[in-house]
């Protein structure tokens, strides 16, 4: 009888992940979320494909743009790009099930997948063009192969971890501690070798074609992120309002509720386990560092979701072993998982939609406006020109096929400050797009001698849009 039902957890997981993925594919197709970052990745894919350098917002990781460039090469449109992320996220759920089987019984592994994919942040942000789902797929696969005893599996695991970093740089906070732990936990040279070799395997094609590429990329990231030199070839965006460092801990406690108790138990148990300790290295450094960086958003819970799902079910496993004679305990634990999934879907997900928007149709006043303004930008500029605009710059870049960067014109009251800001770009901008609907002081902009009004565009979403020619010495 036991053998007959042994495959049920795997069958359930496959059915749940498939249903979840098809659901999110339908949502992504009907209501795509045109995020700033997603448009940047798509534009960078175009730039890679066309050999246009420097790429837009050069500090973005290259792997997703390379992938999107391949999809563009075979003729797939921007609309299809929204479908890759839910598929990658769903697949990462299956790999998470395979990983968790090494730590807990199989039906608990299935419960961990439900917790991960039911998390409202994962549900919401998986329907846009972002790196999170791909990153989790590579990261979870890397851990799965790393914990296998063979040398070859270690190389494959380290390679996946390397891919995760070049898909989303911040997961280096997870990958570096895990890599060091696996390399040194046995103190053998062969374990260090497999981590080093595997980490560089994905980079070999790039190094062969462009040997100095890594040094150039890291130099650009250093100048942009450490020195703050983002004046050239960076779109730029306003940071969200200041939020307290407790945002992520508050989210976890407020959303996991009773499951947070098992998360705490799982952390203690995993910290004492040689194999499961990697999940602690995943959860703790990321949570601590992201709590103290300037840009704090609940979107970044996405990278924590697989880790806290895993730690919760490890906590379940510890409690089940401690109270193995309590027959109703498994049903209680499954009930908690079910309550979490329902609450995240019916309460947490609508809250995310209210905060960030519920997606926009492929046509409408905003899209028409972007197309109108993009077309006028294209008519008055050359392909390599730099443009400054008040808002929606990645979309204007897409519709104009130009490099459009952010200019907060409503925040500038000094002509000298504005001139120095415009002159700080290299090359100098060709056009400035002023939108009174966003607060642009058109009278002030007109008064600048180096800005000449070309035309006024009437748009359905923004009203009048002013296009200025830039003439700097």
Protein backbone atom coordinates (compact mmCIF):
# COMPACT_ATOMS: atom_id res chain seq x y z
CA UNK A 1 0.00 0.00 0.00
CA UNK A 2 2.82 2.40 0.89
CA UNK A 3 4.60 1.73 -2.40
CA UNK A 4 1.36 2.30 -4.30
CA UNK A 5 1.13 5.87 -2.99
CA UNK A 6 4.86 6.60 -3.05
CA UNK A 7 4.61 8.55 -6.30
CA UNK A 8 1.71 10.74 -5.13
CA UNK A 9 3.89 13.66 -3.92
CA UNK A 10 5.68 13.85 -7.27
CA UNK A 11 2.38 13.56 -9.18
CA UNK A 12 0.82 16.26 -7.01
CA UNK A 13 3.83 18.55 -7.46
CA UNK A 14 3.82 18.15 -11.25
CA UNK A 15 0.07 18.80 -11.38
CA UNK A 16 0.27 21.80 -9.05
CA UNK A 17 3.23 23.38 -10.86
CA UNK A 18 1.62 22.78 -14.28
CA UNK A 19 -1.68 24.33 -13.16
CA UNK A 20 0.12 27.27 -11.57
CA UNK A 21 2.26 27.84 -14.67
CA UNK A 22 -0.66 27.74 -17.12
CA UNK A 23 -2.56 30.13 -14.86
CA UNK A 24 0.34 32.61 -14.80
CA UNK A 25 0.89 32.25 -18.53
CA UNK A 26 -2.74 33.23 -19.08
CA UNK A 27 -2.34 36.22 -16.75
CA UNK A 28 0.92 37.28 -18.43
CA UNK A 29 -0.67 37.07 -21.87
CA UNK A 30 -3.82 38.98 -20.90
CA UNK A 31 -2.35 41.53 -18.47
CA UNK A 32 1.42 41.91 -19.02
CA UNK A 33 3.26 43.98 -16.42
CA UNK A 34 5.47 46.42 -18.36
CA UNK A 35 8.03 47.05 -15.62
CA UNK A 36 10.93 49.48 -16.02
CA UNK A 37 13.51 46.73 -15.54
CA UNK A 38 11.77 44.41 -17.98
CA UNK A 39 11.88 46.96 -20.78
CA UNK A 40 15.55 47.59 -20.07
CA UNK A 41 16.34 43.87 -20.43
CA UNK A 42 14.41 43.73 -23.72
CA UNK A 43 16.20 46.82 -25.06
CA UNK A 44 19.58 45.40 -24.04
CA UNK A 45 18.67 42.25 -25.94
CA UNK A 46 18.06 44.39 -29.02
CA UNK A 47 21.38 46.13 -28.49
CA UNK A 48 23.26 42.84 -28.19
CA UNK A 49 21.56 41.57 -31.33
CA UNK A 50 22.34 44.71 -33.32
CA UNK A 51 25.84 45.18 -31.93
CA UNK A 52 24.93 48.55 -30.41
CA UNK A 53 27.27 49.57 -27.62
CA UNK A 54 27.25 50.71 -24.93
CA UNK A 55 24.17 48.84 -23.84
CA UNK A 56 21.31 50.59 -22.10
CA UNK A 57 21.92 50.71 -18.33
CA UNK A 58 25.20 48.83 -18.62
CA UNK A 59 25.18 47.68 -14.98
CA UNK A 60 22.35 45.22 -15.69
CA UNK A 61 23.38 41.53 -15.67
CA UNK A 62 23.80 40.15 -19.21
CA UNK A 63 22.26 36.67 -19.19
CA UNK A 64 18.56 37.56 -19.56
CA UNK A 65 19.27 40.15 -22.31
CA UNK A 66 21.33 37.53 -24.18
CA UNK A 67 18.42 35.10 -23.92
CA UNK A 68 15.94 37.73 -25.09
CA UNK A 69 18.27 38.55 -27.98
CA UNK A 70 18.04 34.92 -29.09
CA UNK A 71 14.24 35.08 -28.98
CA UNK A 72 14.31 38.26 -31.05
CA UNK A 73 16.67 36.60 -33.51
CA UNK A 74 14.02 33.96 -34.29
CA UNK A 75 11.34 36.62 -34.67
CA UNK A 76 9.52 36.45 -31.32
CA UNK A 77 7.90 39.70 -30.21
CA UNK A 78 7.91 41.66 -26.97
CA UNK A 79 4.57 40.11 -26.03
CA UNK A 80 6.08 36.62 -25.99
CA UNK A 81 8.84 37.81 -23.66
CA UNK A 82 6.30 38.01 -20.83
CA UNK A 83 5.73 34.25 -21.08
CA UNK A 84 9.27 33.12 -20.28
CA UNK A 85 9.30 34.27 -16.67
CA UNK A 86 6.28 32.25 -15.44
CA UNK A 87 7.67 29.18 -17.20
CA UNK A 88 11.09 29.61 -15.55
CA UNK A 89 9.46 30.20 -12.16
CA UNK A 90 7.26 27.12 -12.49
CA UNK A 91 10.24 25.00 -13.50
CA UNK A 92 12.16 26.29 -10.48
CA UNK A 93 9.33 24.90 -8.34
CA UNK A 94 9.93 21.40 -9.71
CA UNK A 95 13.66 21.68 -9.06
CA UNK A 96 12.89 22.89 -5.53
CA UNK A 97 10.89 19.69 -4.97
CA UNK A 98 13.90 17.62 -6.07
CA UNK A 99 16.18 19.61 -3.77
CA UNK A 100 13.91 19.37 -0.72
CA UNK A 101 13.68 15.56 -1.01
CA UNK A 102 17.24 15.51 0.32
CA UNK A 103 16.14 17.09 3.59
CA UNK A 104 12.51 16.13 4.26
CA UNK A 105 9.97 13.48 3.32
CA UNK A 106 8.44 13.84 -0.13
CA UNK A 107 5.01 15.13 0.82
CA UNK A 108 6.71 17.89 2.78
CA UNK A 109 8.77 18.68 -0.33
CA UNK A 110 5.48 19.18 -2.16
CA UNK A 111 4.29 21.46 0.64
CA UNK A 112 7.46 23.52 0.25
CA UNK A 113 6.73 24.00 -3.46
CA UNK A 114 3.20 25.18 -2.64
CA UNK A 115 4.54 27.71 -0.11
CA UNK A 116 7.09 29.02 -2.64
CA UNK A 117 4.80 29.40 -5.65
CA UNK A 118 1.80 30.58 -3.59
CA UNK A 119 3.77 33.50 -2.14
CA UNK A 120 2.04 36.64 -3.40
CA UNK A 121 5.29 38.33 -4.44
CA UNK A 122 6.21 35.30 -6.54
CA UNK A 123 2.74 35.11 -8.05
CA UNK A 124 2.66 38.78 -8.95
CA UNK A 125 6.17 39.39 -10.28
CA UNK A 126 6.37 36.15 -12.25
CA UNK A 127 4.14 37.67 -14.94
CA UNK A 128 6.60 40.31 -16.10
CA UNK A 129 9.98 40.42 -17.84
CA UNK A 130 12.32 40.08 -14.88
CA UNK A 131 15.25 37.98 -13.75
CA UNK A 132 13.87 36.54 -10.49
CA UNK A 133 12.38 33.29 -11.82
CA UNK A 134 15.39 32.50 -14.00
CA UNK A 135 17.70 33.28 -11.09
CA UNK A 136 15.81 30.95 -8.76
CA UNK A 137 15.88 28.20 -11.37
CA UNK A 138 19.67 28.41 -11.67
CA UNK A 139 20.24 28.87 -7.95
CA UNK A 140 18.05 25.95 -6.84
CA UNK A 141 19.51 23.72 -9.58
CA UNK A 142 23.00 24.70 -8.43
CA UNK A 143 22.26 23.66 -4.86
CA UNK A 144 20.66 20.43 -6.04
CA UNK A 145 23.75 19.37 -7.96
CA UNK A 146 26.25 20.69 -5.41
CA UNK A 147 24.94 18.46 -2.63
CA UNK A 148 25.48 15.39 -4.83
CA UNK A 149 28.74 13.62 -3.94
CA UNK A 150 30.29 13.30 -7.40
CA UNK A 151 32.95 15.63 -8.81
CA UNK A 152 30.98 16.09 -12.04
CA UNK A 153 27.82 17.09 -10.18
CA UNK A 154 29.86 19.63 -8.22
CA UNK A 155 31.06 21.26 -11.44
CA UNK A 156 27.51 21.38 -12.82
CA UNK A 157 26.23 22.85 -9.56
CA UNK A 158 28.89 25.55 -9.46
CA UNK A 159 28.16 26.37 -13.11
CA UNK A 160 24.47 26.89 -12.30
CA UNK A 161 25.40 29.15 -9.39
CA UNK A 162 27.61 31.18 -11.73
CA UNK A 163 24.70 31.49 -14.17
CA UNK A 164 22.51 32.71 -11.29
CA UNK A 165 24.96 35.50 -10.49
CA UNK A 166 25.16 36.66 -14.12
CA UNK A 167 21.36 36.64 -14.26
CA UNK A 168 20.97 38.75 -11.12
CA UNK A 169 24.06 40.16 -9.43
CA UNK A 170 22.63 40.52 -5.86
CA UNK A 171 22.37 36.72 -5.48
CA UNK A 172 26.13 36.84 -5.11
CA UNK A 173 25.19 37.41 -1.47
CA UNK A 174 23.86 33.85 -1.56
CA UNK A 175 26.22 32.20 -4.00
CA UNK A 176 29.52 33.33 -2.50
CA UNK A 177 28.87 32.00 1.06
CA UNK A 178 27.45 28.75 -0.35
CA UNK A 179 30.39 28.30 -2.74
CA UNK A 180 32.93 28.92 0.01
CA UNK A 181 31.11 26.53 2.34
CA UNK A 182 31.07 23.71 -0.19
CA UNK A 183 34.67 24.31 -1.18
CA UNK A 184 36.01 24.27 2.36
CA UNK A 185 33.68 22.04 4.39
CA UNK A 186 35.75 18.92 3.66
CA UNK A 187 39.06 20.78 3.34
CA UNK A 188 40.01 18.82 0.22
CA UNK A 189 41.64 20.35 -2.84
CA UNK A 190 39.31 18.43 -5.14
CA UNK A 191 36.28 20.17 -3.59
CA UNK A 192 37.86 23.57 -4.15
CA UNK A 193 38.73 22.60 -7.72
CA UNK A 194 35.19 21.63 -8.68
CA UNK A 195 33.80 24.93 -7.37
CA UNK A 196 36.42 27.01 -9.20
CA UNK A 197 36.16 25.03 -12.44
CA UNK A 198 32.36 25.00 -12.41
CA UNK A 199 32.17 28.72 -11.69
CA UNK A 200 34.19 29.57 -14.79
CA UNK A 201 32.61 27.05 -17.18
CA UNK A 202 29.72 29.35 -18.21
CA UNK A 203 32.19 32.19 -18.77
CA UNK A 204 34.43 30.33 -21.21
CA UNK A 205 32.49 31.30 -24.39
CA UNK A 206 32.51 34.96 -23.33
CA UNK A 207 36.19 34.92 -22.38
CA UNK A 208 37.15 33.32 -25.70
CA UNK A 209 35.19 35.85 -27.74
CA UNK A 210 35.85 38.90 -25.57
CA UNK A 211 38.78 38.29 -23.15
CA UNK A 212 38.68 41.74 -21.57
CA UNK A 213 34.88 41.69 -21.23
CA UNK A 214 34.73 40.74 -17.55
CA UNK A 215 37.18 43.45 -16.55
CA UNK A 216 35.25 46.05 -18.53
CA UNK A 217 31.93 44.93 -17.06
CA UNK A 218 33.17 44.86 -13.47
CA UNK A 219 34.82 48.25 -14.00
CA UNK A 220 31.53 49.74 -15.20
CA UNK A 221 29.62 48.20 -12.30
CA UNK A 222 32.20 49.56 -9.86
CA UNK A 223 31.99 53.07 -11.30
CA UNK A 224 28.19 53.00 -11.34
CA UNK A 225 27.43 51.32 -8.03
CA UNK A 226 30.44 52.22 -5.85
CA UNK A 227 31.57 55.57 -7.24
CA UNK A 228 28.08 56.66 -8.27
CA UNK A 229 29.16 57.56 -11.81
CA UNK A 230 25.84 56.95 -13.58
CA UNK A 231 25.84 60.01 -15.82
CA UNK A 232 26.66 58.12 -18.99
CA UNK A 233 24.54 55.39 -20.56
CA UNK A 234 22.27 54.72 -17.63
CA UNK A 235 18.53 55.18 -17.63
CA UNK A 236 18.21 55.95 -13.95
CA UNK A 237 15.11 55.75 -11.81
CA UNK A 238 13.90 57.34 -8.64
CA UNK A 239 14.35 55.32 -5.47
CA UNK A 240 11.15 54.44 -3.63
CA UNK A 241 10.26 56.40 -0.49
CA UNK A 242 12.43 55.50 2.48
CA UNK A 243 11.23 52.35 4.18
CA UNK A 244 12.49 50.87 7.46
CA UNK A 245 15.08 48.06 7.52
CA UNK A 246 12.43 45.82 9.05
CA UNK A 247 10.44 45.64 5.80
CA UNK A 248 11.44 42.05 4.98
CA UNK A 249 11.21 40.70 8.52
CA UNK A 250 7.85 42.44 8.86
CA UNK A 251 6.64 40.91 5.61
CA UNK A 252 7.71 37.41 6.66
CA UNK A 253 6.10 37.62 10.10
CA UNK A 254 2.95 39.25 8.78
CA UNK A 255 2.44 36.84 5.90
CA UNK A 256 3.77 33.53 7.24
CA UNK A 257 2.04 34.02 10.60
CA UNK A 258 2.02 30.55 12.30
CA UNK A 259 4.39 29.25 9.63
CA UNK A 260 6.96 31.73 10.99
CA UNK A 261 7.28 29.50 14.07
CA UNK A 262 8.31 26.58 11.89
CA UNK A 263 10.64 28.89 9.96
CA UNK A 264 12.45 29.62 13.22
CA UNK A 265 12.63 25.91 14.05
CA UNK A 266 13.88 25.17 10.54
CA UNK A 267 16.64 27.78 10.85
CA UNK A 268 17.93 26.17 14.04
CA UNK A 269 17.73 22.65 12.62
CA UNK A 270 19.35 23.64 9.31
CA UNK A 271 22.17 25.49 11.10
CA UNK A 272 23.02 22.25 12.92
CA UNK A 273 22.90 20.15 9.74
CA UNK A 274 25.93 19.93 7.47
CA UNK A 275 23.87 19.46 4.31
CA UNK A 276 20.95 21.82 5.06
CA UNK A 277 23.20 24.61 6.33
CA UNK A 278 23.37 25.96 2.78
CA UNK A 279 19.77 27.14 3.20
CA UNK A 280 20.88 29.25 6.16
CA UNK A 281 23.63 30.75 3.99
CA UNK A 282 20.90 31.54 1.47
CA UNK A 283 18.39 33.07 3.88
CA UNK A 284 20.42 35.03 6.44
CA UNK A 285 23.00 37.02 4.38
CA UNK A 286 20.42 38.06 1.80
CA UNK A 287 17.90 39.11 4.46
CA UNK A 288 20.46 41.08 6.49
CA UNK A 289 22.16 42.90 3.60
CA UNK A 290 18.94 43.73 1.75
CA UNK A 291 17.49 45.12 4.97
CA UNK A 292 20.17 47.80 5.04
CA UNK A 293 20.63 48.80 1.40
CA UNK A 294 18.89 51.99 0.27
CA UNK A 295 16.49 50.41 -2.23
CA UNK A 296 14.06 48.27 -0.22
CA UNK A 297 11.08 46.74 -2.01
CA UNK A 298 8.86 43.80 -1.17
CA UNK A 299 9.65 42.55 -4.71
CA UNK A 300 12.96 41.27 -3.37
CA UNK A 301 11.08 38.73 -1.22
CA UNK A 302 11.06 36.68 -4.46
CA UNK A 303 14.64 35.50 -3.84
CA UNK A 304 13.86 34.68 -0.21
CA UNK A 305 10.69 32.68 -0.95
CA UNK A 306 12.36 29.34 -1.88
CA UNK A 307 14.64 29.60 1.16
CA UNK A 308 11.93 30.29 3.72
CA UNK A 309 9.67 27.67 2.11
CA UNK A 310 12.48 25.13 2.50
CA UNK A 311 13.20 26.16 6.09
CA UNK A 312 9.51 25.97 7.02
CA UNK A 313 9.19 22.37 5.82
CA UNK A 314 12.47 21.49 7.55
CA UNK A 315 10.81 22.84 10.67
CA UNK A 316 7.80 20.63 9.88
CA UNK A 317 10.09 17.62 9.59
CA UNK A 318 11.71 18.33 12.95
CA UNK A 319 8.32 18.66 14.69
CA UNK A 320 6.98 15.50 13.05
CA UNK A 321 9.98 13.53 14.30
CA UNK A 322 9.63 14.98 17.78
CA UNK A 323 5.87 14.28 18.01
CA UNK A 324 5.61 11.27 15.73
CA UNK A 325 2.77 9.74 17.73
CA UNK A 326 0.42 12.71 17.19
CA UNK A 327 -1.64 11.38 14.29
CA UNK A 328 -3.42 14.59 13.34
CA UNK A 329 -0.21 16.64 13.21
CA UNK A 330 0.43 16.08 9.46
CA UNK A 331 -3.12 17.23 8.67
CA UNK A 332 -2.62 20.33 10.83
CA UNK A 333 0.59 21.18 9.00
CA UNK A 334 -1.04 20.74 5.60
CA UNK A 335 -3.93 22.90 6.80
CA UNK A 336 -1.46 25.68 7.64
CA UNK A 337 0.07 25.42 4.16
CA UNK A 338 -3.39 25.55 2.58
CA UNK A 339 -4.39 28.60 4.64
CA UNK A 340 -1.17 30.32 3.61
CA UNK A 341 -1.75 29.58 -0.08
CA UNK A 342 -5.35 30.80 0.01
CA UNK A 343 -4.48 33.91 2.00
CA UNK A 344 -1.62 34.83 -0.33
CA UNK A 345 -3.80 34.34 -3.40
CA UNK A 346 -6.96 36.07 -2.18
CA UNK A 347 -5.45 38.73 0.09
CA UNK A 348 -1.72 39.13 -0.58
CA UNK A 349 -1.93 39.11 -4.38
CA UNK A 350 -4.63 41.82 -4.57
CA UNK A 351 -2.50 43.93 -2.22
CA UNK A 352 0.43 43.59 -4.61
CA UNK A 353 -1.81 44.53 -7.53
CA UNK A 354 -3.10 47.58 -5.67
CA UNK A 355 0.45 48.68 -4.85
CA UNK A 356 2.10 48.06 -8.21
CA UNK A 357 -0.78 47.85 -10.71
CA UNK A 358 -2.54 44.89 -12.27
CA UNK A 359 -1.01 45.03 -15.73
CA UNK A 360 -2.10 46.89 -18.84
CA UNK A 361 -3.58 45.68 -22.12
CA UNK A 362 -1.41 45.68 -25.22
CA UNK A 363 -3.30 48.70 -26.59
CA UNK A 364 -4.72 51.83 -24.98
CA UNK A 365 -4.12 55.58 -24.51
CA UNK A 366 -0.75 55.12 -22.82
CA UNK A 367 0.60 52.83 -25.53
CA UNK A 368 -0.70 55.21 -28.22
CA UNK A 369 1.04 58.09 -26.43
CA UNK A 370 4.32 56.22 -26.21
CA UNK A 371 4.11 55.35 -29.88
CA UNK A 372 3.39 58.99 -30.86
CA UNK A 373 6.22 60.44 -28.79
CA UNK A 374 8.58 57.64 -29.81
CA UNK A 375 7.90 58.27 -33.48
CA UNK A 376 8.59 62.02 -33.13
CA UNK A 377 11.81 61.30 -31.24
CA UNK A 378 12.87 59.00 -34.04
CA UNK A 379 12.11 61.62 -36.71
CA UNK A 380 14.29 64.25 -35.01
CA UNK A 381 17.30 62.15 -34.03
CA UNK A 382 19.85 59.62 -35.21
CA UNK A 383 20.08 55.98 -34.03
CA UNK A 384 23.04 56.62 -31.71
CA UNK A 385 21.67 59.84 -30.18
CA UNK A 386 20.93 60.31 -26.48
CA UNK A 387 17.51 61.66 -25.47
CA UNK A 388 16.28 62.99 -22.11
CA UNK A 389 12.65 62.48 -21.09
CA UNK A 390 10.51 63.01 -18.01
CA UNK A 391 9.14 59.49 -17.49
CA UNK A 392 8.64 56.02 -19.01
CA UNK A 393 12.09 56.18 -20.56
CA UNK A 394 12.55 52.43 -21.21
CA UNK A 395 9.29 52.35 -23.17
CA UNK A 396 10.21 55.50 -25.09
CA UNK A 397 13.54 53.83 -25.85
CA UNK A 398 11.67 50.82 -27.19
CA UNK A 399 9.23 52.80 -29.35
CA UNK A 400 11.86 55.25 -30.64
CA UNK A 401 14.83 52.86 -31.00
CA UNK A 402 16.96 55.52 -29.28
CA UNK A 403 18.80 55.81 -25.96
CA UNK A 404 16.26 57.67 -23.79
CA UNK A 405 17.31 58.57 -20.24
CA UNK A 406 15.58 60.05 -17.24
CA UNK A 407 15.51 63.82 -16.63
CA UNK A 408 13.64 64.96 -13.53
CA UNK A 409 12.76 68.39 -14.94
CA UNK A 410 10.24 69.15 -12.21
CA UNK A 411 13.05 68.98 -9.64
CA UNK A 412 15.25 71.61 -11.33
CA UNK A 413 14.79 75.35 -10.72
CA UNK A 414 18.24 76.61 -11.74
CA UNK A 415 19.29 77.06 -15.34
CA UNK A 416 22.93 76.41 -14.46
CA UNK A 417 22.07 73.17 -12.67
CA UNK A 418 20.01 71.96 -15.63
CA UNK A 419 22.73 72.87 -18.13
CA UNK A 420 25.40 71.08 -16.09
CA UNK A 421 23.13 68.03 -15.80
CA UNK A 422 22.52 67.91 -19.55
CA UNK A 423 26.20 68.47 -20.25
CA UNK A 424 27.17 65.63 -17.89
CA UNK A 425 25.98 63.03 -20.40
CA UNK A 426 28.48 61.62 -22.83
CA UNK A 427 27.64 62.07 -25.64
CA UNK A 428 25.52 65.15 -25.06
CA UNK A 429 21.76 64.64 -25.46
CA UNK A 430 20.15 65.63 -28.74
CA UNK A 431 16.56 66.10 -27.54
CA UNK A 432 14.72 66.86 -24.30
CA UNK A 433 11.11 65.69 -23.90
CA UNK A 434 9.16 67.82 -21.40
CA UNK A 435 5.77 66.65 -20.12
CA UNK A 436 3.77 69.20 -18.06
CA UNK A 437 1.54 66.34 -16.82
CA UNK A 438 4.58 65.07 -14.89
CA UNK A 439 5.39 68.50 -13.46
CA UNK A 440 7.77 69.83 -16.10
CA UNK A 441 8.02 73.63 -15.98
CA UNK A 442 7.84 74.29 -19.70
CA UNK A 443 8.23 78.06 -19.28
CA UNK A 444 11.48 77.47 -17.40
CA UNK A 445 12.74 75.01 -20.02
CA UNK A 446 11.88 77.41 -22.87
CA UNK A 447 13.95 80.11 -21.19
CA UNK A 448 17.16 78.08 -21.57
CA UNK A 449 19.05 79.37 -24.59
CA UNK A 450 20.56 75.99 -25.46
CA UNK A 451 17.09 74.37 -25.68
CA UNK A 452 15.04 75.15 -28.78
CA UNK A 453 11.40 74.13 -29.06
CA UNK A 454 10.83 71.88 -32.08
CA UNK A 455 7.18 70.95 -31.73
CA UNK A 456 4.29 70.31 -29.35
CA UNK A 457 2.66 66.87 -29.54
CA UNK A 458 -0.94 66.28 -28.47
CA UNK A 459 -1.24 62.86 -26.83
CA UNK A 460 -4.24 60.99 -25.35
CA UNK A 461 -2.57 59.99 -22.06
CA UNK A 462 -0.14 62.84 -21.27
CA UNK A 463 -1.81 65.80 -22.93
CA UNK A 464 0.70 68.16 -24.54
CA UNK A 465 4.31 66.96 -24.82
CA UNK A 466 7.08 69.42 -25.73
CA UNK A 467 10.11 68.39 -27.78
CA UNK A 468 13.26 70.53 -27.46
CA UNK A 469 16.46 70.47 -29.53
CA UNK A 470 19.65 70.57 -27.44
CA UNK A 471 22.49 72.80 -28.66
CA UNK A 472 25.53 72.62 -26.39
CA UNK A 473 29.03 73.79 -27.29
